[in-house]
Amino acid sequence: MSRKLAHAHEIANMPAAVARSSTAALNNATLPYVMALADKGYAGALRDNPHFRDGLSVHAGAVTHPAVAEALGLPFTAAQEIIGG
């Protein structure tokens, strides 16, 4: 790879350029999820929020994400079957 091509693929660390505002944005984006976990526990949050379930890959010995199950050649089990809801 030429030096010129390698340079073309560099990506700036934009959050570092605006550390205070990027930290505030991250806190604002994640706080509702943290509060849901704190209020409901992980099982309640998984039951009530499809976004939490979408991020779940494995639970109680079962693969709960279809792409992970396919990649590993294992059976898929919907998260709702394990946690209810």
Protein backbone atom coordinates (compact mmCIF):
# COMPACT_ATOMS: atom_id res chain seq x y z
CA MET A 1 0.00 0.00 0.00
CA SER A 2 1.43 3.34 -0.95
CA ARG A 3 1.93 6.07 1.62
CA LYS A 4 -0.55 8.28 -0.24
CA LEU A 5 -3.28 5.60 -0.17
CA ALA A 6 -2.70 4.87 3.52
CA HIS A 7 -3.06 8.56 4.29
CA ALA A 8 -6.36 8.72 2.41
CA HIS A 9 -7.90 6.20 4.84
CA GLU A 10 -7.15 8.06 8.05
CA ILE A 11 -10.21 9.08 10.03
CA ALA A 12 -10.10 11.88 12.55
CA ASN A 13 -11.25 11.23 16.10
CA MET A 14 -14.09 13.76 16.04
CA PRO A 15 -15.35 13.22 19.62
CA ALA A 16 -11.88 14.10 20.90
CA ALA A 17 -12.10 17.42 19.10
CA VAL A 18 -15.24 18.33 21.06
CA ALA A 19 -14.80 16.30 24.22
CA ARG A 20 -17.24 18.16 26.48
CA SER A 21 -20.17 18.26 24.05
CA SER A 22 -19.59 14.71 22.79
CA THR A 23 -19.59 13.43 26.38
CA ALA A 24 -22.84 15.26 27.07
CA ALA A 25 -24.37 13.82 23.90
CA LEU A 26 -23.29 10.29 24.84
CA ASN A 27 -24.73 10.72 28.34
CA ASN A 28 -28.03 12.03 26.94
CA ALA A 29 -28.28 9.15 24.49
CA THR A 30 -27.49 6.38 26.98
CA LEU A 31 -29.17 7.65 30.16
CA PRO A 32 -32.66 6.34 29.29
CA TYR A 33 -31.21 2.85 28.82
CA VAL A 34 -29.27 3.02 32.08
CA MET A 35 -32.40 4.17 33.89
CA ALA A 36 -34.46 1.34 32.37
CA LEU A 37 -31.89 -1.19 33.55
CA ALA A 38 -31.80 0.36 37.02
CA ASP A 39 -35.59 0.56 37.34
CA LYS A 40 -36.57 -2.79 35.79
CA GLY A 41 -33.49 -4.97 36.05
CA TYR A 42 -32.07 -6.64 32.98
CA ALA A 43 -34.96 -9.11 32.55
CA GLY A 44 -37.62 -6.40 32.76
CA ALA A 45 -35.70 -4.14 30.40
CA LEU A 46 -35.34 -7.00 27.90
CA ARG A 47 -39.05 -7.81 28.17
CA ASP A 48 -40.19 -4.20 27.74
CA ASN A 49 -37.74 -2.82 25.19
CA PRO A 50 -37.16 -4.35 21.73
CA HIS A 51 -33.89 -2.40 21.40
CA PHE A 52 -32.43 -4.25 24.37
CA ARG A 53 -33.60 -7.56 22.88
CA ASP A 54 -32.03 -6.64 19.51
CA GLY A 55 -28.67 -6.28 21.26
CA LEU A 56 -28.90 -9.64 23.03
CA SER A 57 -26.80 -12.40 21.44
CA VAL A 58 -26.80 -15.20 24.02
CA HIS A 59 -28.93 -15.73 27.12
CA ALA A 60 -29.46 -18.70 29.41
CA GLY A 61 -27.38 -20.93 27.13
CA ALA A 62 -29.38 -20.10 23.99
CA VAL A 63 -28.33 -18.02 20.98
CA THR A 64 -30.89 -15.24 20.75
CA HIS A 65 -29.63 -13.36 17.70
CA PRO A 66 -30.33 -14.91 14.29
CA ALA A 67 -27.11 -13.71 12.63
CA VAL A 68 -24.99 -15.05 15.50
CA ALA A 69 -26.81 -18.40 15.37
CA GLU A 70 -26.27 -18.63 11.60
CA ALA A 71 -22.60 -17.65 11.83
CA LEU A 72 -21.96 -20.26 14.53
CA GLY A 73 -24.16 -22.95 13.01
CA LEU A 74 -26.26 -23.12 16.17
CA PRO A 75 -30.01 -23.09 16.66
CA PHE A 76 -31.71 -19.72 17.10
CA THR A 77 -34.11 -19.11 19.99
CA ALA A 78 -36.11 -15.88 20.10
CA ALA A 79 -35.33 -13.87 23.21
CA GLN A 80 -39.05 -13.57 23.98
CA GLU A 81 -39.24 -17.36 24.36
CA ILE A 82 -36.63 -17.24 27.12
CA ILE A 83 -37.45 -14.00 28.94
CA GLY A 84 -41.17 -13.81 28.23
CA GLY A 85 -42.99 -10.87 26.70
